Structures are given as structure tokens and as C-alpha cells.
Amino acid sequence: MQARLRLIRILEVVTSRELVAPSDVVVETGLPRYTVLAYIQCLEALGVVEPVYVKGSHKLYTATPAAEKLLKALREGVKRPIEALLGVEAVASSSSAGAAAQVEA
């Protein structure tokens, strides 16, 4: 299964509930636990999900508004959805334009 499809499936579960445990995502998606945990860690680092309860290794997460935005971008087939979420494209475009102007000068 493609990484994009795995991410869509995970985000669908996360955004469909107020609180979600990684084990819920494993059950609903059928993905391996290690895969789900890796994706959730990445999503947490990006600010797409945030832990709301932590006790030992047990965590419950909630989706941030960025989760719906990322899910929408993935479903629409945006080429680089994470960069779009972070606003990197706008920065990259302006940097490229600036670099092009410097080369022409």
C-alpha cells in the first residue's frame, strides 16, 4: 500500500473521533502497530495530532485543525501535502524567484 493511502486511512480514523489511541487506529485500518506508531509520531512532530493523555506508554491523541487540512490536501492529490500544510511552497517559490533575480542581475 502506498504511503499516501496509509496516511489517509490513519487521518480518517484520527479525525473521526475526539480522542484516539494508536491501538484504535491499528484495529480500524488493519495496519501494523509499528507503522501506525511511526506515522503518529511524525504527525505529532508536525502538529497534526497532539497527545492529550499520557500514562507510561499509553497515549491518547486528538486531531488539530491541521489534520483536516492535511487530509483534504491528500484526498485532492496535492503533490506535496506536508509542504502545503507547513506553507513551505510559498517560501520555496519566493526563494526561487529571488534566486532567479540574483542570477539575472
C-alpha atoms as a PDB file:
ATOM      1  CA  MET A   1       0.000   0.000   0.000  1.00  0.00           C
ATOM      2  CA  GLN A   2       1.252   3.465  -0.859  1.00  0.00           C
ATOM      3  CA  ALA A   3       2.379   5.768   1.932  1.00  0.00           C
ATOM      4  CA  ARG A   4      -0.219   8.347   0.853  1.00  0.00           C
ATOM      5  CA  LEU A   5      -3.048   5.828   1.226  1.00  0.00           C
ATOM      6  CA  ARG A   6      -1.780   4.695   4.638  1.00  0.00           C
ATOM      7  CA  LEU A   7      -1.670   8.306   5.796  1.00  0.00           C
ATOM      8  CA  ILE A   8      -5.192   8.961   4.519  1.00  0.00           C
ATOM      9  CA  ARG A   9      -6.518   5.914   6.363  1.00  0.00           C
ATOM     10  CA  ILE A  10      -4.793   6.934   9.593  1.00  0.00           C
ATOM     11  CA  LEU A  11      -6.022  10.526   9.354  1.00  0.00           C
ATOM     12  CA  GLU A  12      -9.575   9.359   8.644  1.00  0.00           C
ATOM     13  CA  VAL A  13      -9.602   7.446  11.926  1.00  0.00           C
ATOM     14  CA  VAL A  14      -7.920  10.226  13.896  1.00  0.00           C
ATOM     15  CA  THR A  15     -10.264  12.925  12.606  1.00  0.00           C
ATOM     16  CA  SER A  16     -13.392  10.816  13.087  1.00  0.00           C
ATOM     17  CA  ARG A  17     -13.019  10.753  16.882  1.00  0.00           C
ATOM     18  CA  GLU A  18     -12.472  13.252  19.637  1.00  0.00           C
ATOM     19  CA  LEU A  19      -9.787  11.042  21.207  1.00  0.00           C
ATOM     20  CA  VAL A  20      -7.932   8.147  19.638  1.00  0.00           C
ATOM     21  CA  ALA A  21      -5.370   5.624  20.836  1.00  0.00           C
ATOM     22  CA  PRO A  22      -2.866   4.121  18.394  1.00  0.00           C
ATOM     23  CA  SER A  23      -4.455   0.725  19.062  1.00  0.00           C
ATOM     24  CA  ASP A  24      -7.784   2.094  17.745  1.00  0.00           C
ATOM     25  CA  VAL A  25      -6.053   3.112  14.523  1.00  0.00           C
ATOM     26  CA  VAL A  26      -4.440  -0.340  14.231  1.00  0.00           C
ATOM     27  CA  VAL A  27      -7.806  -2.085  14.609  1.00  0.00           C
ATOM     28  CA  GLU A  28      -9.683   0.184  12.196  1.00  0.00           C
ATOM     29  CA  THR A  29      -7.024   0.338   9.474  1.00  0.00           C
ATOM     30  CA  GLY A  30      -5.513  -3.130   9.729  1.00  0.00           C
ATOM     31  CA  LEU A  31      -2.061  -1.560   9.510  1.00  0.00           C
ATOM     32  CA  PRO A  32       0.811  -2.959  11.605  1.00  0.00           C
ATOM     33  CA  ARG A  33       1.244  -1.360  15.023  1.00  0.00           C
ATOM     34  CA  TYR A  34       4.808  -0.213  14.303  1.00  0.00           C
ATOM     35  CA  THR A  35       3.607   1.561  11.140  1.00  0.00           C
ATOM     36  CA  VAL A  36       0.794   3.352  12.954  1.00  0.00           C
ATOM     37  CA  LEU A  37       3.113   4.412  15.787  1.00  0.00           C
ATOM     38  CA  ALA A  38       5.686   5.763  13.315  1.00  0.00           C
ATOM     39  CA  TYR A  39       3.055   7.772  11.438  1.00  0.00           C
ATOM     40  CA  ILE A  40       1.546   9.145  14.646  1.00  0.00           C
ATOM     41  CA  GLN A  41       4.973  10.253  15.873  1.00  0.00           C
ATOM     42  CA  CYS A  42       5.537  12.103  12.592  1.00  0.00           C
ATOM     43  CA  LEU A  43       2.065  13.659  12.734  1.00  0.00           C
ATOM     44  CA  GLU A  44       2.723  14.775  16.303  1.00  0.00           C
ATOM     45  CA  ALA A  45       6.022  16.384  15.288  1.00  0.00           C
ATOM     46  CA  LEU A  46       4.180  18.265  12.524  1.00  0.00           C
ATOM     47  CA  GLY A  47       1.480  19.453  14.917  1.00  0.00           C
ATOM     48  CA  VAL A  48      -1.257  17.474  13.154  1.00  0.00           C
ATOM     49  CA  VAL A  49      -2.108  15.460  16.270  1.00  0.00           C
ATOM     50  CA  GLU A  50      -1.359  16.175  19.883  1.00  0.00           C
ATOM     51  CA  PRO A  51      -1.302  13.943  22.935  1.00  0.00           C
ATOM     52  CA  VAL A  52      -3.968  14.768  25.484  1.00  0.00           C
ATOM     53  CA  TYR A  53      -3.322  11.892  27.894  1.00  0.00           C
ATOM     54  CA  VAL A  54      -0.040  10.138  28.622  1.00  0.00           C
ATOM     55  CA  LYS A  55       0.499   7.448  31.236  1.00  0.00           C
ATOM     56  CA  GLY A  56       3.565   5.338  30.680  1.00  0.00           C
ATOM     57  CA  SER A  57       3.464   4.108  27.110  1.00  0.00           C
ATOM     58  CA  HIS A  58      -0.313   4.623  26.828  1.00  0.00           C
ATOM     59  CA  LYS A  59      -1.252   7.781  24.930  1.00  0.00           C
ATOM     60  CA  LEU A  60      -4.469   9.287  23.666  1.00  0.00           C
ATOM     61  CA  TYR A  61      -4.332  11.785  20.842  1.00  0.00           C
ATOM     62  CA  THR A  62      -6.610  14.407  19.389  1.00  0.00           C
ATOM     63  CA  ALA A  63      -6.526  15.888  15.916  1.00  0.00           C
ATOM     64  CA  THR A  64      -5.612  19.535  15.492  1.00  0.00           C
ATOM     65  CA  PRO A  65      -7.219  21.709  12.781  1.00  0.00           C
ATOM     66  CA  ALA A  66      -4.194  20.893  10.638  1.00  0.00           C
ATOM     67  CA  ALA A  67      -5.343  17.248  10.465  1.00  0.00           C
ATOM     68  CA  GLU A  68      -8.433  18.104   8.414  1.00  0.00           C
ATOM     69  CA  LYS A  69      -6.372  20.412   6.205  1.00  0.00           C
ATOM     70  CA  LEU A  70      -3.792  17.685   5.550  1.00  0.00           C
ATOM     71  CA  LEU A  71      -6.467  15.056   4.920  1.00  0.00           C
ATOM     72  CA  LYS A  72      -8.182  17.340   2.414  1.00  0.00           C
ATOM     73  CA  ALA A  73      -4.890  18.010   0.604  1.00  0.00           C
ATOM     74  CA  LEU A  74      -4.143  14.281   0.431  1.00  0.00           C
ATOM     75  CA  ARG A  75      -7.598  13.471  -0.927  1.00  0.00           C
ATOM     76  CA  GLU A  76      -7.286  16.227  -3.557  1.00  0.00           C
ATOM     77  CA  GLY A  77      -3.988  14.781  -4.738  1.00  0.00           C
ATOM     78  CA  VAL A  78      -1.819  17.765  -3.813  1.00  0.00           C
ATOM     79  CA  LYS A  79       1.697  16.832  -4.909  1.00  0.00           C
ATOM     80  CA  ARG A  80       3.425  17.784  -1.636  1.00  0.00           C
ATOM     81  CA  PRO A  81       0.708  17.910   1.028  1.00  0.00           C
ATOM     82  CA  ILE A  82       3.022  18.222   4.035  1.00  0.00           C
ATOM     83  CA  GLU A  83       4.836  21.174   2.492  1.00  0.00           C
ATOM     84  CA  ALA A  84       1.485  22.760   1.632  1.00  0.00           C
ATOM     85  CA  LEU A  85       0.378  22.249   5.235  1.00  0.00           C
ATOM     86  CA  LEU A  86       3.509  23.941   6.550  1.00  0.00           C
ATOM     87  CA  GLY A  87       3.440  26.726   3.969  1.00  0.00           C
ATOM     88  CA  VAL A  88       6.786  25.642   2.523  1.00  0.00           C
ATOM     89  CA  GLU A  89       5.674  26.076  -1.104  1.00  0.00           C
ATOM     90  CA  ALA A  90       5.140  29.795  -0.651  1.00  0.00           C
ATOM     91  CA  VAL A  91       8.562  30.175   0.937  1.00  0.00           C
ATOM     92  CA  ALA A  92      10.235  27.993  -1.707  1.00  0.00           C
ATOM     93  CA  SER A  93       8.566  29.897  -4.543  1.00  0.00           C
ATOM     94  CA  SER A  94       9.639  33.281  -3.237  1.00  0.00           C
ATOM     95  CA  SER A  95      13.166  31.981  -2.602  1.00  0.00           C
ATOM     96  CA  SER A  96      13.357  30.623  -6.148  1.00  0.00           C
ATOM     97  CA  ALA A  97      12.142  33.911  -7.579  1.00  0.00           C
ATOM     98  CA  GLY A  98      14.725  35.794  -5.519  1.00  0.00           C
ATOM     99  CA  ALA A  99      17.491  33.453  -6.617  1.00  0.00           C
ATOM    100  CA  ALA A 100      16.438  33.810 -10.259  1.00  0.00           C
ATOM    101  CA  ALA A 101      16.525  37.600  -9.930  1.00  0.00           C
ATOM    102  CA  GLN A 102      20.024  37.436  -8.461  1.00  0.00           C
ATOM    103  CA  VAL A 103      21.234  35.215 -11.318  1.00  0.00           C
ATOM    104  CA  GLU A 104      19.825  37.635 -13.907  1.00  0.00           C
ATOM    105  CA  ALA A 105      21.498  40.638 -12.255  1.00  0.00           C
END
